[in-house]
Amino acid sequence: MEESQELEILPRVVTGVLKVVLSFSLIALAVVLIIALAKITYTLAIMVFNTSSVVPYDVAVMFFLYFGFIGLIVQYFKSGYHFPLRYFIYAGITAMLRLIIVNHESSVDTILFAGAILIMVIALCLVLYSNKIKI
């Protein structure tokens, strides 16, 4: 009897410890991303006020990537310690849009990227409206 109670407690303890480790790791990652975001923001501000320089795409893309990852971490804590699937699909769609903006030399690649966006939008619609569809 005592042994079965210990076996029932063990998964809850392991899950609790892993949740704490994950939460602390995500908080540390958020701090690092906030510092990197501040650094990129400063760099962008210097480039904007310096009229002779052009803002490269990669700096602007990095700014939005950091911003997006911080948003994902915030959603993790807001949604009860899990990442909703729709936020990963949003991140994928925006990443593909950034890729089209930065890499648009090849028309075939652009069409393939647009097809990937279409597939993700369809997947997002399925995720959002799957509970409303009666089969």
Protein backbone atom coordinates (compact mmCIF):
# COMPACT_ATOMS: atom_id res chain seq x y z
CA MET A 1 0.00 0.00 0.00
CA GLU A 2 2.77 2.38 0.95
CA GLU A 3 4.72 1.57 -2.20
CA SER A 4 1.77 2.37 -4.49
CA GLN A 5 1.32 5.76 -2.82
CA GLU A 6 4.99 6.54 -3.43
CA LEU A 7 4.59 5.59 -7.08
CA GLU A 8 1.61 7.93 -7.39
CA ILE A 9 3.50 10.83 -5.81
CA LEU A 10 6.63 10.43 -7.94
CA PRO A 11 5.12 11.63 -11.27
CA ARG A 12 3.66 14.72 -9.59
CA VAL A 13 7.00 15.57 -7.97
CA VAL A 14 8.92 15.07 -11.22
CA THR A 15 6.36 17.13 -13.15
CA GLY A 16 6.51 19.91 -10.56
CA VAL A 17 10.32 20.01 -10.59
CA LEU A 18 10.42 20.09 -14.40
CA LYS A 19 7.81 22.86 -14.49
CA VAL A 20 9.93 24.95 -12.10
CA VAL A 21 13.09 24.32 -14.15
CA LEU A 22 11.27 25.22 -17.36
CA SER A 23 9.81 28.38 -15.83
CA PHE A 24 13.19 29.57 -14.54
CA SER A 25 14.80 28.77 -17.89
CA LEU A 26 12.15 30.73 -19.78
CA ILE A 27 12.52 33.67 -17.40
CA ALA A 28 16.29 33.64 -17.95
CA LEU A 29 15.75 33.44 -21.72
CA ALA A 30 13.28 36.35 -21.53
CA VAL A 31 15.86 38.47 -19.68
CA VAL A 32 18.51 37.69 -22.31
CA LEU A 33 16.04 38.48 -25.11
CA ILE A 34 15.03 41.77 -23.46
CA ILE A 35 18.70 42.78 -23.23
CA ALA A 36 19.24 41.82 -26.88
CA LEU A 37 16.07 43.69 -27.86
CA ALA A 38 17.29 46.81 -26.04
CA LYS A 39 20.66 46.53 -27.81
CA ILE A 40 19.03 46.17 -31.24
CA THR A 41 16.63 49.04 -30.46
CA TYR A 42 19.60 51.24 -29.60
CA THR A 43 21.36 50.19 -32.81
CA LEU A 44 18.25 50.92 -34.88
CA ALA A 45 17.83 54.32 -33.20
CA ILE A 46 21.43 55.24 -34.00
CA MET A 47 20.91 54.17 -37.63
CA VAL A 48 17.69 56.15 -37.94
CA PHE A 49 19.23 59.33 -36.56
CA ASN A 50 22.34 58.90 -38.69
CA THR A 51 21.07 60.04 -42.07
CA SER A 52 24.00 58.57 -44.01
CA SER A 53 23.36 54.97 -42.95
CA VAL A 54 20.76 52.56 -44.32
CA VAL A 55 19.02 50.17 -41.95
CA PRO A 56 19.90 46.62 -43.05
CA TYR A 57 17.12 44.06 -43.26
CA ASP A 58 18.79 41.65 -40.88
CA VAL A 59 18.80 44.14 -37.99
CA ALA A 60 15.10 44.87 -38.44
CA VAL A 61 14.33 41.15 -38.78
CA MET A 62 16.27 40.37 -35.59
CA PHE A 63 14.30 43.07 -33.76
CA PHE A 64 11.00 41.46 -34.68
CA LEU A 65 12.28 37.95 -33.95
CA TYR A 66 13.29 38.95 -30.42
CA PHE A 67 9.98 40.73 -29.96
CA GLY A 68 8.07 37.65 -31.17
CA PHE A 69 9.95 35.26 -28.88
CA ILE A 70 9.32 37.49 -25.88
CA GLY A 71 5.64 37.47 -26.83
CA LEU A 72 5.66 33.67 -26.94
CA ILE A 73 7.18 33.51 -23.47
CA VAL A 74 4.53 35.91 -22.15
CA GLN A 75 1.79 33.77 -23.69
CA TYR A 76 3.28 30.68 -22.05
CA PHE A 77 2.78 32.16 -18.60
CA LYS A 78 -0.59 33.73 -19.46
CA SER A 79 -2.08 30.50 -20.80
CA GLY A 80 -1.41 28.32 -17.79
CA TYR A 81 2.11 27.04 -18.47
CA HIS A 82 1.64 25.73 -22.00
CA PHE A 83 2.22 27.05 -25.49
CA PRO A 84 -0.99 27.15 -27.53
CA LEU A 85 -0.44 25.75 -31.02
CA ARG A 86 -1.88 28.82 -32.72
CA TYR A 87 0.98 31.02 -31.45
CA PHE A 88 3.54 28.75 -33.11
CA ILE A 89 1.57 28.97 -36.33
CA TYR A 90 1.49 32.78 -36.01
CA ALA A 91 5.26 32.75 -35.50
CA GLY A 92 5.71 30.52 -38.56
CA ILE A 93 3.58 32.77 -40.74
CA THR A 94 5.43 35.90 -39.68
CA ALA A 95 8.79 34.15 -40.14
CA MET A 96 7.85 33.18 -43.68
CA LEU A 97 6.70 36.74 -44.40
CA ARG A 98 10.03 38.06 -43.15
CA LEU A 99 11.80 35.52 -45.34
CA ILE A 100 9.86 36.73 -48.39
CA ILE A 101 10.75 40.34 -47.57
CA VAL A 102 14.45 39.57 -47.18
CA ASN A 103 14.87 36.87 -49.84
CA HIS A 104 12.79 37.71 -52.91
CA GLU A 105 15.30 37.28 -55.74
CA SER A 106 13.88 33.97 -56.99
CA SER A 107 10.25 33.94 -58.06
CA VAL A 108 10.01 30.16 -57.58
CA ASP A 109 11.21 30.48 -53.98
CA THR A 110 8.73 33.28 -53.34
CA ILE A 111 5.86 31.16 -54.67
CA LEU A 112 6.97 28.22 -52.52
CA PHE A 113 7.17 30.47 -49.45
CA ALA A 114 3.69 31.81 -50.24
CA GLY A 115 2.45 28.21 -50.50
CA ALA A 116 3.92 27.47 -47.09
CA ILE A 117 2.09 30.49 -45.70
CA LEU A 118 -1.15 29.25 -47.27
CA ILE A 119 -0.69 25.83 -45.65
CA MET A 120 -0.07 27.48 -42.26
CA VAL A 121 -3.15 29.69 -42.65
CA ILE A 122 -5.25 26.61 -43.44
CA ALA A 123 -3.78 24.85 -40.38
CA LEU A 124 -4.56 27.92 -38.27
CA CYS A 125 -8.17 27.92 -39.48
CA LEU A 126 -8.44 24.24 -38.61
CA VAL A 127 -7.05 24.89 -35.13
CA LEU A 128 -9.27 27.90 -34.49
CA TYR A 129 -12.51 26.54 -35.92
CA SER A 130 -12.21 22.80 -35.33
CA ASN A 131 -14.46 22.91 -32.27
CA LYS A 132 -17.16 24.80 -34.21
CA ILE A 133 -17.33 22.40 -37.16
CA LYS A 134 -19.93 19.61 -36.80
CA ILE A 135 -19.22 16.50 -38.84
